[in-house]
C-alpha atoms as a PDB file:
ATOM      1  CA  UNK A   1      29.983  -9.179   5.066  1.00  0.00           C
ATOM      2  CA  UNK A   2      26.487  -8.223   3.888  1.00  0.00           C
ATOM      3  CA  UNK A   3      24.557  -5.618   5.837  1.00  0.00           C
ATOM      4  CA  UNK A   4      21.163  -6.446   7.285  1.00  0.00           C
ATOM      5  CA  UNK A   5      19.579  -4.202   4.641  1.00  0.00           C
ATOM      6  CA  UNK A   6      21.207  -6.220   1.877  1.00  0.00           C
ATOM      7  CA  UNK A   7      20.133  -9.556   3.384  1.00  0.00           C
ATOM      8  CA  UNK A   8      16.534  -8.486   3.813  1.00  0.00           C
ATOM      9  CA  UNK A   9      16.412  -6.941   0.346  1.00  0.00           C
ATOM     10  CA  UNK A  10      17.585 -10.226  -1.195  1.00  0.00           C
ATOM     11  CA  UNK A  11      14.474 -11.776   0.318  1.00  0.00           C
ATOM     12  CA  UNK A  12      12.337  -8.909  -1.000  1.00  0.00           C
ATOM     13  CA  UNK A  13      13.866  -9.323  -4.471  1.00  0.00           C
ATOM     14  CA  UNK A  14      12.976 -13.040  -4.441  1.00  0.00           C
ATOM     15  CA  UNK A  15       9.436 -12.132  -3.400  1.00  0.00           C
ATOM     16  CA  UNK A  16       9.008  -9.660  -6.261  1.00  0.00           C
ATOM     17  CA  UNK A  17      10.665 -12.057  -8.734  1.00  0.00           C
ATOM     18  CA  UNK A  18       8.124 -14.747  -7.822  1.00  0.00           C
ATOM     19  CA  UNK A  19       5.310 -12.193  -8.153  1.00  0.00           C
ATOM     20  CA  UNK A  20       6.575 -11.081 -11.589  1.00  0.00           C
ATOM     21  CA  UNK A  21       6.807 -14.685 -12.817  1.00  0.00           C
ATOM     22  CA  UNK A  22       3.281 -15.327 -11.550  1.00  0.00           C
ATOM     23  CA  UNK A  23       2.032 -12.212 -13.371  1.00  0.00           C
ATOM     24  CA  UNK A  24       3.596 -13.366 -16.638  1.00  0.00           C
ATOM     25  CA  UNK A  25       2.245 -16.902 -16.265  1.00  0.00           C
ATOM     26  CA  UNK A  26      -1.282 -15.637 -15.633  1.00  0.00           C
ATOM     27  CA  UNK A  27      -1.030 -13.367 -18.692  1.00  0.00           C
ATOM     28  CA  UNK A  28       0.285 -15.904 -21.237  1.00  0.00           C
ATOM     29  CA  UNK A  29      -0.894 -19.350 -20.090  1.00  0.00           C
ATOM     30  CA  UNK A  30      -4.442 -20.144 -21.283  1.00  0.00           C
ATOM     31  CA  UNK A  31      -6.900 -21.455 -18.727  1.00  0.00           C
ATOM     32  CA  UNK A  32     -10.444 -22.748 -18.636  1.00  0.00           C
ATOM     33  CA  UNK A  33     -11.135 -20.876 -15.428  1.00  0.00           C
ATOM     34  CA  UNK A  34     -13.579 -17.992 -15.489  1.00  0.00           C
ATOM     35  CA  UNK A  35     -12.201 -14.491 -15.033  1.00  0.00           C
ATOM     36  CA  UNK A  36     -13.368 -14.425 -11.420  1.00  0.00           C
ATOM     37  CA  UNK A  37     -11.871 -17.827 -10.600  1.00  0.00           C
ATOM     38  CA  UNK A  38      -8.577 -16.922 -12.273  1.00  0.00           C
ATOM     39  CA  UNK A  39      -8.439 -13.720 -10.216  1.00  0.00           C
ATOM     40  CA  UNK A  40      -9.055 -15.737  -7.048  1.00  0.00           C
ATOM     41  CA  UNK A  41      -6.216 -18.154  -7.800  1.00  0.00           C
ATOM     42  CA  UNK A  42      -3.854 -15.288  -8.630  1.00  0.00           C
ATOM     43  CA  UNK A  43      -4.796 -13.414  -5.455  1.00  0.00           C
ATOM     44  CA  UNK A  44      -4.261 -16.447  -3.242  1.00  0.00           C
ATOM     45  CA  UNK A  45      -0.879 -17.305  -4.776  1.00  0.00           C
ATOM     46  CA  UNK A  46       0.396 -13.729  -4.941  1.00  0.00           C
ATOM     47  CA  UNK A  47      -0.557 -12.922  -1.364  1.00  0.00           C
ATOM     48  CA  UNK A  48       0.075 -16.134   0.541  1.00  0.00           C
ATOM     49  CA  UNK A  49       3.131 -17.358  -1.383  1.00  0.00           C
ATOM     50  CA  UNK A  50       4.836 -14.344  -3.000  1.00  0.00           C
ATOM     51  CA  UNK A  51       4.192 -11.900  -0.137  1.00  0.00           C
ATOM     52  CA  UNK A  52       3.723 -14.324   2.719  1.00  0.00           C
ATOM     53  CA  UNK A  53       5.659 -17.576   2.587  1.00  0.00           C
ATOM     54  CA  UNK A  54       8.702 -16.313   0.652  1.00  0.00           C
ATOM     55  CA  UNK A  55       9.354 -13.186   2.801  1.00  0.00           C
ATOM     56  CA  UNK A  56       8.915 -15.078   6.072  1.00  0.00           C
ATOM     57  CA  UNK A  57      11.010 -18.127   5.128  1.00  0.00           C
ATOM     58  CA  UNK A  58      13.679 -16.040   3.392  1.00  0.00           C
ATOM     59  CA  UNK A  59      14.034 -13.727   6.364  1.00  0.00           C
ATOM     60  CA  UNK A  60      14.211 -16.586   8.869  1.00  0.00           C
ATOM     61  CA  UNK A  61      16.931 -18.259   6.778  1.00  0.00           C
ATOM     62  CA  UNK A  62      19.024 -15.062   6.817  1.00  0.00           C
ATOM     63  CA  UNK A  63      19.184 -14.718  10.599  1.00  0.00           C
ATOM     64  CA  UNK A  64      22.286 -12.619  11.340  1.00  0.00           C
ATOM     65  CA  UNK A  65      23.500 -14.089  14.634  1.00  0.00           C
ATOM     66  CA  UNK A  66      25.169 -17.489  14.559  1.00  0.00           C
ATOM     67  CA  UNK A  67      23.771 -19.949  17.059  1.00  0.00           C
ATOM     68  CA  UNK A  68      20.725 -17.828  17.801  1.00  0.00           C
ATOM     69  CA  UNK A  69      17.636 -20.057  18.244  1.00  0.00           C
ATOM     70  CA  UNK A  70      15.103 -19.614  15.458  1.00  0.00           C
ATOM     71  CA  UNK A  71      12.319 -18.887  17.968  1.00  0.00           C
ATOM     72  CA  UNK A  72      14.367 -16.080  19.543  1.00  0.00           C
ATOM     73  CA  UNK A  73      15.134 -14.558  16.134  1.00  0.00           C
ATOM     74  CA  UNK A  74      11.475 -14.857  15.115  1.00  0.00           C
ATOM     75  CA  UNK A  75      10.410 -12.988  18.250  1.00  0.00           C
ATOM     76  CA  UNK A  76      12.977 -10.257  17.609  1.00  0.00           C
ATOM     77  CA  UNK A  77      11.881 -10.080  13.989  1.00  0.00           C
ATOM     78  CA  UNK A  78       8.261  -9.540  15.029  1.00  0.00           C
ATOM     79  CA  UNK A  79       9.390  -6.600  17.175  1.00  0.00           C
ATOM     80  CA  UNK A  80      11.503  -5.180  14.336  1.00  0.00           C
ATOM     81  CA  UNK A  81       8.530  -5.467  12.003  1.00  0.00           C
ATOM     82  CA  UNK A  82       6.432  -3.664  14.633  1.00  0.00           C
ATOM     83  CA  UNK A  83       3.947  -6.425  15.353  1.00  0.00           C
ATOM     84  CA  UNK A  84       2.846  -4.829  18.594  1.00  0.00           C
ATOM     85  CA  UNK A  85       0.216  -2.296  19.581  1.00  0.00           C
ATOM     86  CA  UNK A  86       0.793   1.437  19.015  1.00  0.00           C
ATOM     87  CA  UNK A  87       2.777   3.396  21.590  1.00  0.00           C
ATOM     88  CA  UNK A  88      -0.457   4.985  22.828  1.00  0.00           C
ATOM     89  CA  UNK A  89      -4.049   3.812  22.503  1.00  0.00           C
ATOM     90  CA  UNK A  90      -5.044   7.376  21.534  1.00  0.00           C
ATOM     91  CA  UNK A  91      -3.659   6.615  18.075  1.00  0.00           C
ATOM     92  CA  UNK A  92      -6.742   4.509  17.295  1.00  0.00           C
ATOM     93  CA  UNK A  93      -8.995   7.534  17.831  1.00  0.00           C
ATOM     94  CA  UNK A  94      -7.268   9.096  14.809  1.00  0.00           C
ATOM     95  CA  UNK A  95      -6.564   5.961  12.767  1.00  0.00           C
ATOM     96  CA  UNK A  96     -10.225   4.884  12.561  1.00  0.00           C
ATOM     97  CA  UNK A  97     -11.549   8.124  10.962  1.00  0.00           C
ATOM     98  CA  UNK A  98      -8.354   8.281   8.895  1.00  0.00           C
ATOM     99  CA  UNK A  99      -9.249   4.864   7.438  1.00  0.00           C
ATOM    100  CA  UNK A 100     -12.477   6.355   6.098  1.00  0.00           C
ATOM    101  CA  UNK A 101     -11.059   9.658   4.876  1.00  0.00           C
ATOM    102  CA  UNK A 102      -8.092   7.943   3.238  1.00  0.00           C
ATOM    103  CA  UNK A 103     -10.403   5.845   1.057  1.00  0.00           C
ATOM    104  CA  UNK A 104     -12.010   8.966  -0.385  1.00  0.00           C
ATOM    105  CA  UNK A 105      -8.564  10.503  -0.822  1.00  0.00           C
ATOM    106  CA  UNK A 106      -7.530   7.534  -2.962  1.00  0.00           C
ATOM    107  CA  UNK A 107     -10.713   8.081  -4.988  1.00  0.00           C
ATOM    108  CA  UNK A 108      -9.556  11.644  -5.682  1.00  0.00           C
ATOM    109  CA  UNK A 109      -6.082  10.447  -6.645  1.00  0.00           C
ATOM    110  CA  UNK A 110      -7.611   7.750  -8.839  1.00  0.00           C
ATOM    111  CA  UNK A 111      -9.673  10.335 -10.731  1.00  0.00           C
ATOM    112  CA  UNK A 112      -6.625  12.479 -11.371  1.00  0.00           C
ATOM    113  CA  UNK A 113      -4.768   9.364 -12.504  1.00  0.00           C
ATOM    114  CA  UNK A 114      -7.527   8.404 -14.947  1.00  0.00           C
ATOM    115  CA  UNK A 115      -7.593  11.960 -16.326  1.00  0.00           C
ATOM    116  CA  UNK A 116      -3.815  12.040 -16.790  1.00  0.00           C
ATOM    117  CA  UNK A 117      -3.753   8.649 -18.540  1.00  0.00           C
ATOM    118  CA  UNK A 118      -6.654   9.652 -20.784  1.00  0.00           C
ATOM    119  CA  UNK A 119      -4.810  12.823 -21.829  1.00  0.00           C
ATOM    120  CA  UNK A 120      -1.746  10.644 -22.521  1.00  0.00           C
ATOM    121  CA  UNK A 121      -3.795   8.618 -25.038  1.00  0.00           C
ATOM    122  CA  UNK A 122      -3.919   5.565 -22.783  1.00  0.00           C
ATOM    123  CA  UNK A 123      -6.632   3.059 -23.689  1.00  0.00           C
ATOM    124  CA  UNK A 124      -8.109   1.385 -20.643  1.00  0.00           C
ATOM    125  CA  UNK A 125      -8.659  -2.370 -20.917  1.00  0.00           C
ATOM    126  CA  UNK A 126     -12.172  -3.589 -21.546  1.00  0.00           C
ATOM    127  CA  UNK A 127     -12.856  -5.915 -18.648  1.00  0.00           C
ATOM    128  CA  UNK A 128     -15.911  -6.976 -16.733  1.00  0.00           C
ATOM    129  CA  UNK A 129     -13.926  -6.755 -13.509  1.00  0.00           C
ATOM    130  CA  UNK A 130     -15.051  -8.616 -10.431  1.00  0.00           C
ATOM    131  CA  UNK A 131     -18.538 -10.096 -10.728  1.00  0.00           C
ATOM    132  CA  UNK A 132     -20.596 -10.262  -7.540  1.00  0.00           C
ATOM    133  CA  UNK A 133     -23.449 -12.699  -8.165  1.00  0.00           C
ATOM    134  CA  UNK A 134     -24.672 -12.471  -4.574  1.00  0.00           C
ATOM    135  CA  UNK A 135     -23.797 -11.062  -1.148  1.00  0.00           C
ATOM    136  CA  UNK A 136     -21.643 -14.116  -0.427  1.00  0.00           C
ATOM    137  CA  UNK A 137     -19.344 -13.095  -3.291  1.00  0.00           C
ATOM    138  CA  UNK A 138     -18.875  -9.714  -1.639  1.00  0.00           C
ATOM    139  CA  UNK A 139     -17.816 -11.367   1.635  1.00  0.00           C
ATOM    140  CA  UNK A 140     -15.503 -13.695  -0.274  1.00  0.00           C
ATOM    141  CA  UNK A 141     -13.813 -10.849  -2.142  1.00  0.00           C
ATOM    142  CA  UNK A 142     -13.455  -8.742   0.995  1.00  0.00           C
ATOM    143  CA  UNK A 143     -11.542 -11.689   2.457  1.00  0.00           C
ATOM    144  CA  UNK A 144      -9.454 -12.223  -0.694  1.00  0.00           C
ATOM    145  CA  UNK A 145      -9.030  -8.655  -1.899  1.00  0.00           C
ATOM    146  CA  UNK A 146      -8.962  -6.742   1.379  1.00  0.00           C
ATOM    147  CA  UNK A 147      -7.977  -8.981   4.286  1.00  0.00           C
ATOM    148  CA  UNK A 148      -5.186 -10.902   2.540  1.00  0.00           C
ATOM    149  CA  UNK A 149      -3.489  -7.755   1.112  1.00  0.00           C
ATOM    150  CA  UNK A 150      -3.807  -6.010   4.483  1.00  0.00           C
ATOM    151  CA  UNK A 151      -1.992  -8.930   6.107  1.00  0.00           C
ATOM    152  CA  UNK A 152       0.592  -9.964   3.520  1.00  0.00           C
ATOM    153  CA  UNK A 153       1.318  -6.766   1.558  1.00  0.00           C
ATOM    154  CA  UNK A 154       1.811  -4.951   4.838  1.00  0.00           C
ATOM    155  CA  UNK A 155       4.023  -7.760   6.128  1.00  0.00           C
ATOM    156  CA  UNK A 156       6.216  -7.390   3.038  1.00  0.00           C
ATOM    157  CA  UNK A 157       6.306  -3.613   2.612  1.00  0.00           C
ATOM    158  CA  UNK A 158       5.766  -2.141   6.073  1.00  0.00           C
ATOM    159  CA  UNK A 159       7.381  -5.088   7.865  1.00  0.00           C
ATOM    160  CA  UNK A 160      10.242  -6.448   5.770  1.00  0.00           C
ATOM    161  CA  UNK A 161      10.985  -3.330   3.702  1.00  0.00           C
ATOM    162  CA  UNK A 162      10.761  -0.754   6.504  1.00  0.00           C
ATOM    163  CA  UNK A 163      12.938  -2.958   8.727  1.00  0.00           C
ATOM    164  CA  UNK A 164      15.525  -3.281   5.956  1.00  0.00           C
ATOM    165  CA  UNK A 165      15.560   0.463   5.262  1.00  0.00           C
ATOM    166  CA  UNK A 166      15.964   1.348   8.943  1.00  0.00           C
ATOM    167  CA  UNK A 167      19.382  -0.361   8.992  1.00  0.00           C
ATOM    168  CA  UNK A 168      21.148   2.429   7.098  1.00  0.00           C
ATOM    169  CA  UNK A 169      19.272   5.530   6.047  1.00  0.00           C
ATOM    170  CA  UNK A 170      16.626   7.833   7.457  1.00  0.00           C
ATOM    171  CA  UNK A 171      12.882   7.935   7.832  1.00  0.00           C
ATOM    172  CA  UNK A 172      12.295  10.250   4.871  1.00  0.00           C
ATOM    173  CA  UNK A 173      14.121   7.910   2.494  1.00  0.00           C
ATOM    174  CA  UNK A 174      12.357   4.943   4.075  1.00  0.00           C
ATOM    175  CA  UNK A 175       8.885   6.397   3.518  1.00  0.00           C
ATOM    176  CA  UNK A 176       9.633   7.408  -0.096  1.00  0.00           C
ATOM    177  CA  UNK A 177      11.125   4.023  -0.995  1.00  0.00           C
ATOM    178  CA  UNK A 178       8.295   2.281   0.820  1.00  0.00           C
ATOM    179  CA  UNK A 179       5.881   4.119  -1.474  1.00  0.00           C
ATOM    180  CA  UNK A 180       7.899   3.550  -4.663  1.00  0.00           C
ATOM    181  CA  UNK A 181       8.284  -0.179  -4.057  1.00  0.00           C
ATOM    182  CA  UNK A 182       4.634  -0.539  -3.092  1.00  0.00           C
ATOM    183  CA  UNK A 183       3.481   1.322  -6.203  1.00  0.00           C
ATOM    184  CA  UNK A 184       5.755  -0.650  -8.531  1.00  0.00           C
ATOM    185  CA  UNK A 185       4.714  -3.947  -6.916  1.00  0.00           C
ATOM    186  CA  UNK A 186       1.252  -3.553  -8.481  1.00  0.00           C
ATOM    187  CA  UNK A 187       2.937  -3.705 -11.956  1.00  0.00           C
ATOM    188  CA  UNK A 188       0.046  -1.670 -13.335  1.00  0.00           C
ATOM    189  CA  UNK A 189       0.168   1.933 -14.493  1.00  0.00           C
ATOM    190  CA  UNK A 190      -3.489   2.385 -13.487  1.00  0.00           C
ATOM    191  CA  UNK A 191      -2.644   1.690  -9.849  1.00  0.00           C
ATOM    192  CA  UNK A 192       0.943   2.922  -9.562  1.00  0.00           C
ATOM    193  CA  UNK A 193       0.286   6.562  -8.676  1.00  0.00           C
ATOM    194  CA  UNK A 194      -2.203   6.196  -5.842  1.00  0.00           C
ATOM    195  CA  UNK A 195      -0.485   3.023  -4.590  1.00  0.00           C
ATOM    196  CA  UNK A 196       2.732   5.073  -4.366  1.00  0.00           C
ATOM    197  CA  UNK A 197       0.974   7.743  -2.297  1.00  0.00           C
ATOM    198  CA  UNK A 198      -0.773   5.076  -0.226  1.00  0.00           C
ATOM    199  CA  UNK A 199       2.512   3.283   0.432  1.00  0.00           C
ATOM    200  CA  UNK A 200       4.056   6.479   1.782  1.00  0.00           C
ATOM    201  CA  UNK A 201       1.028   7.155   3.992  1.00  0.00           C
ATOM    202  CA  UNK A 202       1.117   3.603   5.378  1.00  0.00           C
ATOM    203  CA  UNK A 203       4.852   3.917   6.040  1.00  0.00           C
ATOM    204  CA  UNK A 204       4.370   7.269   7.785  1.00  0.00           C
ATOM    205  CA  UNK A 205       1.625   5.829   9.981  1.00  0.00           C
ATOM    206  CA  UNK A 206       3.761   2.811  10.958  1.00  0.00           C
ATOM    207  CA  UNK A 207       6.723   5.004  11.883  1.00  0.00           C
ATOM    208  CA  UNK A 208       4.631   7.449  13.917  1.00  0.00           C
ATOM    209  CA  UNK A 209       2.603   4.830  15.797  1.00  0.00           C
ATOM    210  CA  UNK A 210       5.497   2.346  16.022  1.00  0.00           C
ATOM    211  CA  UNK A 211       3.023  -0.369  15.013  1.00  0.00           C
ATOM    212  CA  UNK A 212       2.086  -2.141  11.786  1.00  0.00           C
ATOM    213  CA  UNK A 213      -1.532  -2.697  12.840  1.00  0.00           C
ATOM    214  CA  UNK A 214      -2.843   0.815  12.006  1.00  0.00           C
ATOM    215  CA  UNK A 215      -1.468   0.487   8.462  1.00  0.00           C
ATOM    216  CA  UNK A 216      -3.124  -2.915   8.165  1.00  0.00           C
ATOM    217  CA  UNK A 217      -6.444  -1.328   9.174  1.00  0.00           C
ATOM    218  CA  UNK A 218      -6.035   1.501   6.645  1.00  0.00           C
ATOM    219  CA  UNK A 219      -5.166  -0.988   3.909  1.00  0.00           C
ATOM    220  CA  UNK A 220      -8.070  -3.299   4.730  1.00  0.00           C
ATOM    221  CA  UNK A 221     -10.652  -0.507   4.875  1.00  0.00           C
ATOM    222  CA  UNK A 222      -9.476   1.029   1.612  1.00  0.00           C
ATOM    223  CA  UNK A 223      -9.781  -2.262  -0.293  1.00  0.00           C
ATOM    224  CA  UNK A 224     -12.982  -3.353   1.478  1.00  0.00           C
ATOM    225  CA  UNK A 225     -14.770  -0.039   0.767  1.00  0.00           C
ATOM    226  CA  UNK A 226     -13.777  -0.406  -2.897  1.00  0.00           C
ATOM    227  CA  UNK A 227     -15.379  -3.858  -3.096  1.00  0.00           C
ATOM    228  CA  UNK A 228     -18.532  -2.608  -1.352  1.00  0.00           C
ATOM    229  CA  UNK A 229     -18.808   0.246  -3.849  1.00  0.00           C
ATOM    230  CA  UNK A 230     -18.355  -2.145  -6.800  1.00  0.00           C
ATOM    231  CA  UNK A 231     -20.948  -4.524  -5.339  1.00  0.00           C
ATOM    232  CA  UNK A 232     -23.431  -1.666  -4.906  1.00  0.00           C
ATOM    233  CA  UNK A 233     -23.002  -0.639  -8.548  1.00  0.00           C
ATOM    234  CA  UNK A 234     -23.903  -4.201  -9.650  1.00  0.00           C
ATOM    235  CA  UNK A 235     -26.785  -4.543  -7.173  1.00  0.00           C
ATOM    236  CA  UNK A 236     -28.362  -1.049  -7.053  1.00  0.00           C
ATOM    237  CA  UNK A 237     -31.596  -2.345  -5.503  1.00  0.00           C
ATOM    238  CA  UNK A 238     -30.003  -4.225  -2.613  1.00  0.00           C
ATOM    239  CA  UNK A 239     -28.982  -3.198   0.882  1.00  0.00           C
ATOM    240  CA  UNK A 240     -26.309  -0.870  -0.511  1.00  0.00           C
ATOM    241  CA  UNK A 241     -28.616   0.908  -2.969  1.00  0.00           C
ATOM    242  CA  UNK A 242     -27.872   4.242  -1.271  1.00  0.00           C
ATOM    243  CA  UNK A 243     -24.241   3.892  -2.354  1.00  0.00           C
ATOM    244  CA  UNK A 244     -25.348   3.311  -5.945  1.00  0.00           C
ATOM    245  CA  UNK A 245     -27.655   6.329  -5.682  1.00  0.00           C
ATOM    246  CA  UNK A 246     -24.774   8.522  -4.500  1.00  0.00           C
ATOM    247  CA  UNK A 247     -22.596   7.267  -7.367  1.00  0.00           C
ATOM    248  CA  UNK A 248     -25.360   8.135  -9.838  1.00  0.00           C
ATOM    249  CA  UNK A 249     -25.586  11.634  -8.388  1.00  0.00           C
ATOM    250  CA  UNK A 250     -21.836  12.322  -8.351  1.00  0.00           C
ATOM    251  CA  UNK A 251     -21.165  10.852 -11.803  1.00  0.00           C
ATOM    252  CA  UNK A 252     -24.479  11.486 -13.548  1.00  0.00           C
ATOM    253  CA  UNK A 253     -24.655  15.288 -13.595  1.00  0.00           C
ATOM    254  CA  UNK A 254     -22.443  18.355 -13.769  1.00  0.00           C
ATOM    255  CA  UNK A 255     -23.706  19.500 -10.373  1.00  0.00           C
ATOM    256  CA  UNK A 256     -22.848  16.118  -8.900  1.00  0.00           C
ATOM    257  CA  UNK A 257     -19.378  16.211 -10.420  1.00  0.00           C
ATOM    258  CA  UNK A 258     -18.745  19.674  -8.985  1.00  0.00           C
ATOM    259  CA  UNK A 259     -20.050  18.732  -5.518  1.00  0.00           C
ATOM    260  CA  UNK A 260     -18.023  15.524  -5.589  1.00  0.00           C
ATOM    261  CA  UNK A 261     -14.846  17.376  -6.550  1.00  0.00           C
ATOM    262  CA  UNK A 262     -15.285  19.874  -3.688  1.00  0.00           C
ATOM    263  CA  UNK A 263     -15.958  17.097  -1.181  1.00  0.00           C
ATOM    264  CA  UNK A 264     -12.957  15.078  -2.319  1.00  0.00           C
ATOM    265  CA  UNK A 265     -10.595  18.052  -2.035  1.00  0.00           C
ATOM    266  CA  UNK A 266     -12.000  18.836   1.419  1.00  0.00           C
ATOM    267  CA  UNK A 267     -11.493  15.202   2.378  1.00  0.00           C
ATOM    268  CA  UNK A 268      -7.871  15.379   1.209  1.00  0.00           C
ATOM    269  CA  UNK A 269      -7.305  18.310   3.571  1.00  0.00           C
ATOM    270  CA  UNK A 270      -9.014  16.313   6.332  1.00  0.00           C
ATOM    271  CA  UNK A 271      -6.688  13.360   5.713  1.00  0.00           C
ATOM    272  CA  UNK A 272      -3.604  15.559   6.016  1.00  0.00           C
ATOM    273  CA  UNK A 273      -4.966  17.059   9.231  1.00  0.00           C
ATOM    274  CA  UNK A 274      -5.607  13.578  10.644  1.00  0.00           C
ATOM    275  CA  UNK A 275      -2.058  12.523   9.813  1.00  0.00           C
ATOM    276  CA  UNK A 276      -0.783  15.628  11.578  1.00  0.00           C
ATOM    277  CA  UNK A 277      -2.989  14.853  14.575  1.00  0.00           C
ATOM    278  CA  UNK A 278      -1.781  11.246  14.613  1.00  0.00           C
ATOM    279  CA  UNK A 279       1.766  12.559  14.759  1.00  0.00           C
ATOM    280  CA  UNK A 280       0.924  14.688  17.790  1.00  0.00           C
ATOM    281  CA  UNK A 281      -0.873  11.992  19.777  1.00  0.00           C
ATOM    282  CA  UNK A 282       1.613   9.223  19.003  1.00  0.00           C
ATOM    283  CA  UNK A 283       3.937  10.572  21.674  1.00  0.00           C
ATOM    284  CA  UNK A 284       7.167  10.573  19.673  1.00  0.00           C
ATOM    285  CA  UNK A 285       9.310  13.512  20.854  1.00  0.00           C
ATOM    286  CA  UNK A 286      10.514  15.993  18.289  1.00  0.00           C
ATOM    287  CA  UNK A 287      14.032  17.368  18.270  1.00  0.00           C
ATOM    288  CA  UNK A 288      16.874  18.616  16.105  1.00  0.00           C
ATOM    289  CA  UNK A 289      16.676  15.474  14.016  1.00  0.00           C
ATOM    290  CA  UNK A 290      13.191  16.327  12.735  1.00  0.00           C
ATOM    291  CA  UNK A 291      12.747  17.576   9.177  1.00  0.00           C
ATOM    292  CA  UNK A 292       9.422  19.167   8.282  1.00  0.00           C
ATOM    293  CA  UNK A 293       7.686  17.773   5.217  1.00  0.00           C
ATOM    294  CA  UNK A 294       4.776  20.213   5.257  1.00  0.00           C
ATOM    295  CA  UNK A 295       4.228  23.108   7.619  1.00  0.00           C
ATOM    296  CA  UNK A 296       2.016  26.181   7.472  1.00  0.00           C
ATOM    297  CA  UNK A 297       3.415  29.551   8.508  1.00  0.00           C
ATOM    298  CA  UNK A 298       0.530  30.527  10.756  1.00  0.00           C
ATOM    299  CA  UNK A 299      -0.198  27.243  12.517  1.00  0.00           C
ATOM    300  CA  UNK A 300       0.964  23.717  13.166  1.00  0.00           C
ATOM    301  CA  UNK A 301      -2.333  22.299  11.921  1.00  0.00           C
ATOM    302  CA  UNK A 302      -0.828  20.526   8.918  1.00  0.00           C
ATOM    303  CA  UNK A 303       2.723  19.971  10.169  1.00  0.00           C
ATOM    304  CA  UNK A 304       4.243  16.627   9.150  1.00  0.00           C
ATOM    305  CA  UNK A 305       7.770  15.615  10.052  1.00  0.00           C
ATOM    306  CA  UNK A 306      10.171  12.673   9.889  1.00  0.00           C
ATOM    307  CA  UNK A 307      13.668  12.105  11.225  1.00  0.00           C
ATOM    308  CA  UNK A 308      16.416  13.090   8.793  1.00  0.00           C
ATOM    309  CA  UNK A 309      19.351  11.470  10.579  1.00  0.00           C
ATOM    310  CA  UNK A 310      21.192   8.262   9.572  1.00  0.00           C
ATOM    311  CA  UNK A 311      21.666   5.916  12.555  1.00  0.00           C
ATOM    312  CA  UNK A 312      24.301   3.732  10.833  1.00  0.00           C
ATOM    313  CA  UNK A 313      25.520   6.003   8.068  1.00  0.00           C
ATOM    314  CA  UNK A 314      24.549   6.288   4.417  1.00  0.00           C
ATOM    315  CA  UNK A 315      23.653   3.101   2.579  1.00  0.00           C
ATOM    316  CA  UNK A 316      26.101   1.907  -0.084  1.00  0.00           C
ATOM    317  CA  UNK A 317      25.364   0.598  -3.574  1.00  0.00           C
ATOM    318  CA  UNK A 318      25.930  -2.934  -2.289  1.00  0.00           C
ATOM    319  CA  UNK A 319      23.312  -2.335   0.422  1.00  0.00           C
ATOM    320  CA  UNK A 320      20.734  -1.148  -2.107  1.00  0.00           C
ATOM    321  CA  UNK A 321      21.559  -3.359  -5.089  1.00  0.00           C
ATOM    322  CA  UNK A 322      18.735  -5.866  -4.630  1.00  0.00           C
ATOM    323  CA  UNK A 323      16.271  -3.106  -3.745  1.00  0.00           C
ATOM    324  CA  UNK A 324      17.126  -1.326  -6.992  1.00  0.00           C
ATOM    325  CA  UNK A 325      16.829  -4.622  -8.841  1.00  0.00           C
ATOM    326  CA  UNK A 326      13.378  -5.377  -7.410  1.00  0.00           C
ATOM    327  CA  UNK A 327      12.179  -1.852  -8.158  1.00  0.00           C
ATOM    328  CA  UNK A 328      13.532  -1.904 -11.727  1.00  0.00           C
ATOM    329  CA  UNK A 329      11.940  -5.288 -12.414  1.00  0.00           C
ATOM    330  CA  UNK A 330       8.477  -4.242 -11.211  1.00  0.00           C
ATOM    331  CA  UNK A 331       8.768  -0.774 -12.766  1.00  0.00           C
ATOM    332  CA  UNK A 332       9.594  -2.336 -16.140  1.00  0.00           C
ATOM    333  CA  UNK A 333       6.328  -4.268 -16.027  1.00  0.00           C
ATOM    334  CA  UNK A 334       4.495  -1.105 -14.991  1.00  0.00           C
ATOM    335  CA  UNK A 335       5.964   0.826 -17.922  1.00  0.00           C
ATOM    336  CA  UNK A 336       5.067  -2.066 -20.247  1.00  0.00           C
ATOM    337  CA  UNK A 337       1.435  -1.848 -19.059  1.00  0.00           C
ATOM    338  CA  UNK A 338       1.469   1.847 -20.015  1.00  0.00           C
ATOM    339  CA  UNK A 339       3.087   1.299 -23.418  1.00  0.00           C
ATOM    340  CA  UNK A 340       0.667  -1.521 -24.156  1.00  0.00           C
ATOM    341  CA  UNK A 341      -2.257   0.729 -23.207  1.00  0.00           C
ATOM    342  CA  UNK A 342      -1.062   3.500 -25.540  1.00  0.00           C
ATOM    343  CA  UNK A 343      -0.392   1.167 -28.470  1.00  0.00           C
ATOM    344  CA  UNK A 344      -3.612  -0.872 -28.401  1.00  0.00           C
END
């Protein structure tokens, strides 16, 4: 008899298989659509079908208890996927500033990633990227590129995946695999590293707050801020001209680069402190089962911990087979994107 982890991971594998097929189709099938329109179609299909419809339908079809009404199982599934408010409302007082600081942390990670790929002789693709002809395009892309991923990517990775991993295993393994799968899902070497870190942060936040909503907020803000920054760079005289001016300062001079680097490192420290604070206010009691991930000798200011116990024993190869398969499939496409970038 298959474990719940195995059943849920079959659904996740099908989701990633559909996403991989969609990626290949978009890459090889010619289209008369503009680059922007093609990106919109891909975003809609990848989010709403690959990471929305397939995970939900697949999970509902694999309900474990015979004779259980579908509505009852759906309600239980929503609880398992943590679709409820955080344990304490104080969590939002930390999550909101964390949403801002985390965006700048991903900017720091992105810069390190670009530097590492450049040193590895990786050639970045020449692409116009998203074109914002007017403010309406910005609103449209915030909906497509921020709201949809916050809803459906979180449903798949912090709902489905975290629920599957909680069956047999521990929180440390769950957070690491949550990050690895999330990074590989992007099938792009340029996004893998900071998506991996982001996936672990989102998983940590969900576990500590016992709610998926804070991770959805973090995800939405990170993507939305990125679109606003891109829009400002294309419309430097508009309402967001101050953002373009800051970009010119930080990227246009050695002094700006140095100041930006110091601020980004300071923001990284702030993000870790906020995560530590979120852990303290979330109300989850600590005990012998806690394993410290990061702890200073003189203070608890940056202490982060997760449970190291296994509630139902260690997962077997059969439990993890489809998870490994999904990861290998997406990782292969990620590696291909790197090899292609080095060879071109």
